[in-house]
């Protein structure tokens, strides 16, 4: 029987990737494009979050109004603009 392979994760490298300025621009671009494609009443936000294993830059796209919420509920707008459906 073959020995199991053990991997050693380079956690500082993961943190360096998570904090990269190019990655932040990419997250901002994806969120902004999705909110724009969704139409009026949709917005986006991005921020740095800290956790047990380091920091992470996260972006979200959301509804800003009741009307956008109803449109999203009826048409799955956010799912479609994020290419999930």
C-alpha atoms as a PDB file:
ATOM      1  CA  UNK A   1       0.000   0.000   0.000  1.00  0.00           C
ATOM      2  CA  UNK A   2       1.336   3.441  -0.925  1.00  0.00           C
ATOM      3  CA  UNK A   3       2.145   5.968   1.766  1.00  0.00           C
ATOM      4  CA  UNK A   4      -0.267   8.914   2.004  1.00  0.00           C
ATOM      5  CA  UNK A   5       1.078  12.155   0.631  1.00  0.00           C
ATOM      6  CA  UNK A   6       1.460  14.999   3.118  1.00  0.00           C
ATOM      7  CA  UNK A   7       1.209  18.547   1.909  1.00  0.00           C
ATOM      8  CA  UNK A   8       2.545  21.547   3.731  1.00  0.00           C
ATOM      9  CA  UNK A   9       0.521  24.680   3.021  1.00  0.00           C
ATOM     10  CA  UNK A  10       2.428  27.928   2.696  1.00  0.00           C
ATOM     11  CA  UNK A  11       0.085  30.105   4.796  1.00  0.00           C
ATOM     12  CA  UNK A  12       2.132  33.311   4.435  1.00  0.00           C
ATOM     13  CA  UNK A  13       1.840  32.947   0.646  1.00  0.00           C
ATOM     14  CA  UNK A  14      -1.950  32.585   0.939  1.00  0.00           C
ATOM     15  CA  UNK A  15      -2.071  35.768   3.014  1.00  0.00           C
ATOM     16  CA  UNK A  16       0.123  37.577   0.497  1.00  0.00           C
ATOM     17  CA  UNK A  17      -2.253  36.600  -2.328  1.00  0.00           C
ATOM     18  CA  UNK A  18      -5.283  37.668  -0.263  1.00  0.00           C
ATOM     19  CA  UNK A  19      -3.768  41.115   0.316  1.00  0.00           C
ATOM     20  CA  UNK A  20      -2.608  41.682  -3.264  1.00  0.00           C
ATOM     21  CA  UNK A  21      -3.708  44.998  -4.804  1.00  0.00           C
ATOM     22  CA  UNK A  22      -4.442  43.355  -8.174  1.00  0.00           C
ATOM     23  CA  UNK A  23      -6.798  40.890  -6.495  1.00  0.00           C
ATOM     24  CA  UNK A  24      -8.594  43.764  -4.762  1.00  0.00           C
ATOM     25  CA  UNK A  25      -9.059  45.541  -8.091  1.00  0.00           C
ATOM     26  CA  UNK A  26     -10.413  42.329  -9.590  1.00  0.00           C
ATOM     27  CA  UNK A  27     -12.931  41.916  -6.749  1.00  0.00           C
ATOM     28  CA  UNK A  28     -13.966  45.577  -7.113  1.00  0.00           C
ATOM     29  CA  UNK A  29     -14.375  45.206 -10.893  1.00  0.00           C
ATOM     30  CA  UNK A  30     -16.491  42.047 -10.618  1.00  0.00           C
ATOM     31  CA  UNK A  31     -18.741  43.571  -7.944  1.00  0.00           C
ATOM     32  CA  UNK A  32     -19.131  46.875  -9.789  1.00  0.00           C
ATOM     33  CA  UNK A  33     -19.912  45.154 -13.095  1.00  0.00           C
ATOM     34  CA  UNK A  34     -22.480  42.876 -11.445  1.00  0.00           C
ATOM     35  CA  UNK A  35     -24.242  45.772  -9.691  1.00  0.00           C
ATOM     36  CA  UNK A  36     -24.297  47.789 -12.917  1.00  0.00           C
ATOM     37  CA  UNK A  37     -25.590  44.841 -14.968  1.00  0.00           C
ATOM     38  CA  UNK A  38     -28.331  44.185 -12.386  1.00  0.00           C
ATOM     39  CA  UNK A  39     -29.713  47.700 -12.858  1.00  0.00           C
ATOM     40  CA  UNK A  40     -31.180  50.388 -10.607  1.00  0.00           C
ATOM     41  CA  UNK A  41     -31.523  49.517  -6.961  1.00  0.00           C
ATOM     42  CA  UNK A  42     -28.486  47.229  -6.778  1.00  0.00           C
ATOM     43  CA  UNK A  43     -25.224  48.166  -5.096  1.00  0.00           C
ATOM     44  CA  UNK A  44     -21.934  46.677  -4.032  1.00  0.00           C
ATOM     45  CA  UNK A  45     -19.390  46.930  -1.264  1.00  0.00           C
ATOM     46  CA  UNK A  46     -15.945  45.487  -0.548  1.00  0.00           C
ATOM     47  CA  UNK A  47     -13.828  45.460   2.578  1.00  0.00           C
ATOM     48  CA  UNK A  48     -11.002  43.701   4.368  1.00  0.00           C
ATOM     49  CA  UNK A  49     -12.091  41.104   6.914  1.00  0.00           C
ATOM     50  CA  UNK A  50      -9.774  39.543   9.464  1.00  0.00           C
ATOM     51  CA  UNK A  51     -10.065  35.965  10.632  1.00  0.00           C
ATOM     52  CA  UNK A  52      -8.135  33.211  12.366  1.00  0.00           C
ATOM     53  CA  UNK A  53      -5.930  32.551   9.361  1.00  0.00           C
ATOM     54  CA  UNK A  54      -5.298  36.098   8.184  1.00  0.00           C
ATOM     55  CA  UNK A  55      -7.054  38.840   6.339  1.00  0.00           C
ATOM     56  CA  UNK A  56      -9.263  38.502   3.295  1.00  0.00           C
ATOM     57  CA  UNK A  57     -10.732  41.067   0.896  1.00  0.00           C
ATOM     58  CA  UNK A  58     -14.412  40.311   0.293  1.00  0.00           C
ATOM     59  CA  UNK A  59     -16.953  41.890  -1.994  1.00  0.00           C
ATOM     60  CA  UNK A  60     -20.736  41.662  -1.974  1.00  0.00           C
ATOM     61  CA  UNK A  61     -23.482  42.725  -4.373  1.00  0.00           C
ATOM     62  CA  UNK A  62     -26.845  43.524  -2.804  1.00  0.00           C
ATOM     63  CA  UNK A  63     -30.243  45.137  -3.311  1.00  0.00           C
ATOM     64  CA  UNK A  64     -30.596  48.774  -2.228  1.00  0.00           C
ATOM     65  CA  UNK A  65     -34.351  49.123  -2.473  1.00  0.00           C
ATOM     66  CA  UNK A  66     -37.577  47.233  -1.930  1.00  0.00           C
ATOM     67  CA  UNK A  67     -38.285  47.282  -5.674  1.00  0.00           C
ATOM     68  CA  UNK A  68     -34.868  45.753  -6.463  1.00  0.00           C
ATOM     69  CA  UNK A  69     -35.469  43.112  -3.815  1.00  0.00           C
ATOM     70  CA  UNK A  70     -38.762  42.151  -5.487  1.00  0.00           C
ATOM     71  CA  UNK A  71     -37.128  42.104  -8.943  1.00  0.00           C
ATOM     72  CA  UNK A  72     -34.334  39.904  -7.618  1.00  0.00           C
ATOM     73  CA  UNK A  73     -36.842  37.611  -5.946  1.00  0.00           C
ATOM     74  CA  UNK A  74     -38.872  37.235  -9.157  1.00  0.00           C
ATOM     75  CA  UNK A  75     -36.019  36.981 -11.683  1.00  0.00           C
ATOM     76  CA  UNK A  76     -32.977  35.809  -9.690  1.00  0.00           C
ATOM     77  CA  UNK A  77     -31.225  38.884 -11.061  1.00  0.00           C
ATOM     78  CA  UNK A  78     -28.099  38.646  -8.903  1.00  0.00           C
ATOM     79  CA  UNK A  79     -27.697  34.970  -9.697  1.00  0.00           C
ATOM     80  CA  UNK A  80     -27.831  35.721 -13.427  1.00  0.00           C
ATOM     81  CA  UNK A  81     -25.469  38.706 -13.417  1.00  0.00           C
ATOM     82  CA  UNK A  82     -22.930  36.719 -11.387  1.00  0.00           C
ATOM     83  CA  UNK A  83     -23.177  34.005 -14.057  1.00  0.00           C
ATOM     84  CA  UNK A  84     -24.653  31.469 -11.657  1.00  0.00           C
ATOM     85  CA  UNK A  85     -27.826  30.735 -13.572  1.00  0.00           C
END
